[in-house]
Amino acid sequence: MNRATAKHLIERYFQQLTQGCGNGNCTNEFCASWCDFQPLDNNSAAAKALELFKINAKLCNPHPFKKDSSAVTNTQLDSNMSNADLCPTKEDFSDVHYLTENTVCMILSFCEEEEDYSALIRVIGRIFSNTDALIKSFRKDEPEATENSSTPADRHEKQSEGTSVRMGAFSRAALPDDAPNQMFDPCEVTVDIDSVRRVYDLLLPINEVEAALVNALVYLAPNMDLDLEYLDVYDTNPDYLNIFIIVMENSNLHSPEYLELALPQFCKAMSKLPVTAFARLSKLWSTYSLPHIQRMMETFQQLITFTIVSNEYDAENLVNDDETVVAATQCLKVVFYASILGGDVDVEHNEEDEDDSVYDELSLHELLGEEQLYKKGPRVDPLEKELGVRAIDSIRSLIPFDSFINDSLNEVVEMDKDFTFFKVNAESKFSFQTCPFILNVFTKNQGLYYDNRIRMYSERRLTALYSMVQGQQPNPYLRLKVRRDHIIDDALIRLEMISMENPSDLKKQLFVEFEGEQGIDEGGVSKEFFLLVLEEIFNPDIGMFAYDDDTKLFWFNPSSLENEAQYTLIGIVLGLAIYNNCILDVHFPMVVYRKLMGKKGTYLDLADSHPILHQSLKELLEYTGNVEEDMMLTFQISHTDLFENSILYDLKEEGEHIPVTKENRQEFVDLYTEYILNKSVETQFKAFKKGFLMVTNESPLKYLFRPEEVELLICGSRKLDFEALEKTTDYDGGYSKDTPIIKDFWETIHSFGEEQKRLFLQFTTGTDRAPVGGLGKLKMIIAKNGSDSDRLPTSHTCFNALLLPEYSSKEKLRERLLKAITYAKGFGML
């Protein structure tokens, strides 16, 4: 349907709503001739006509005596906004068809002289409610003023010339409507943004004018919605983007006057823009100063928060179905990428992607019609692809990432439903996981949890099906039976066999059994398994990783004698921990997680992983003296191996004969960094990453999380807030928060030192780290375990449950508890 046809239909709906069809027996509830029809004013009728067009509502055939009136319908509809209820003044500026800064200044001066803003209000309302007029307004290429001006506006300009510093040349020469669609710079726009800002500075302090802007936007937005959804206007006229650029320069968009109706409708229209238009907006806004881009971010955030707190959501009434929240989130994405582009970005230094075909065995999901739910390969955001930049490419964004997280949204989003939309109904239902920047790490972790559990369930189904076909005993779990004193040999050999024979088994739920112990793995046994394995793997005596006493971090040992398979198995262990929702006590620098997510290590990463080397290289780059004579460095470097032997390495061919100078020192630093963080450990890290991807290659991990969030997923938080844990703890067996023994218990816990608190957490939950979201997200249970006795407290680490006898005194409670957490090791049946 072309624009003319759509406009004609809307005009017919408008006529039907205002004049009716002339049939006294009409039964169409959307016709003014219907006996029960409630009359509408022109504004309401125009809005209703647009709604009826969108739903393809019934149109009546007008009776003959009504047909003659159709000729005036177009005039009535088009003049709906321009015919203000105010009385016309001597000069109403009706010949102003678009705005320039000079035009606004001239009209404003006229109004100030008359002490009446009616003319300005009418012009602002008319231009800002008309898409064509707004597209032509505030252009960089506005025509020069004509000498032979004969309109009232021009005459007034000549009469007032020199009376105000805001006055300037005034022109209304028509812009070419049918100019050829020329090639344009994606970031280049025809709007004079500085001019628009100066105009807003003049207009916004005038309350009556701002009210006109609000009303105009209410009328304008539905028309834009129609244009973009049905007429593809941006494809034929890229300058349509001017409207959004001009409106977004209004610094009062976050005020209550706009939040009720105008801004929601505007966001809905903006969300209909094609991805190419979003990309142009992001590139343009990335050139703005921080206050401007931050204001836009706060505007969309405020609309989201205002809408959420004004409504109630539950499993039946999902926030995903709220058009305003969804549209504002999609608009916020444009600002998010603008913030990345406007900061420091590194789109180079990318790790080579692993070949997914390594893990791509013939899947049964295609046969079962479930390939959508279990599809492989990473997601790619369309806007991210169009811009050629990812969140992980950001070194420093204009606005911190945390500022884009909306707490109100995270409290009401139903992640089980959102996950379904994300995986299955992405085209028909909106998922907030397509805009992960707005979700906190705890909420995203819930989505990851559902993804992992569904894959585990899938593997169990496939195992059962294969077992039926092959007549074998089904094995729905990834079972590891290990000896405590040979845990590395038993676990890693078993995992190596699985990774070689059937890698898909790694996606089954982990089930660990310690030989000779009665513990049944409901999660707690796995936690201790990971703890013991990592203690062995990161033992400096093994030599797989080097430990830095200053940073307390581990780094890959380039001189390790272990083979690649060992590093692959360590990667599998890390992947299994994420997959099975277990927290690990690992100490890697952030560059490891950046490399796992696809980025190479760079000079900036050295500050975290090799701080002494980073400081030395920084001093080299900042040195103001004679670098060659004073430093006496060459492109040959040395480092020590596992046995403290010195190893020489040429950063360039014949490096020992190439001196480092002021001119080439940056190259030296880049090559040195490339060697330390990438080349020297390439073999070890590639094997490590391969193992990690064996478990996580089909996971949305890379799409949803940033490197620092992946670290939090794997390692948990070192910050322990026991006050938050106390507030969320549940009680069973007769205990409550007011029971004396419970009050004594929490007083005792709060009196513990940091190390004792970690021992207690280890004893009760299986790890000394807080989960994602902090201890407040940990659901601990304290249950009564009999009356006073000499028994020690016990725990079910699988369920974060503490079994506490009702001791007779606070002193006995403290003594028994300390003994239990200090000497706890191993599993037994109670």
Foldseek 3Di string as FASTA:
>chain_A
DAPVVLVVQLLQLLCQQAPNQPDCPDPFQSGPSHPPHDHDDSLVSSVVSLVCSVVVGDGDHHDPVCVVVSVCSVVSNLCVQLDDPDDDDPDLPPVAQAEAQQLLLLLVVVCVVVVHCVSVLSVLLNQLLDLVRLLPYQFPCDDFADPDDDDPSQVSLVVCPPVDPSHDGDHRPDDDPPDDDDDDDLQDAGHPLVRLLVSLVVQVVDVSNVLSNLVSLLNRLSVLQCCLPPHVVCVVPVSSLSSVSSVLSNLCCQPPSNLPGRVLSNLLSVLSDDLSSLLNLLSNLLPDALVSLVSSLVSLLSSLLVVLVVDDADPVRAPQPVSSNLSSLSNNVSSVSSQQSNADFALDQWDDDDDCVVLDDDDCCVVVVNCLQQPFDEDDQPNCVVNSGDPLRGPDGSDDLQSLARPSNQVRHDLVVLLCCVRPVVPPTPHCLSVLSHHALVSVLVSLLVSLVVLQVVQQVVQVVVCVVVVHDGDSAAEFEAELVCLCVRVLVSVLVCCVPPLSNLSHAYWYHHPPADDGDLPQVVLLSQASNVVVVPPCVQPQWDADPVLRATDGALQHPDALSVLLSLLLSLLSCLSNQHAHAHGHQLQLLSNLLTGFWFLVSCCNVPVVVSVVLVCLLVPPDWSCVPVVDWQKDWDAHPVRDIDIDHLDVVGNPGTDGNVCSVVSRGSVRCVVGDVSCPSSSVSNSNSNCSNPSRGNDSVNDHSVSSNCSHHNALDADVVLLLVQEAEEAPDDCPPPLNVLVSVLLVPDDSVLVLLLCCQQAVGSHAHVPHSNPQYAYEYEDEEADLDAWHYDNSRSYIHDHHHPDSVSNNVRPSVCSVPDDGHHDD
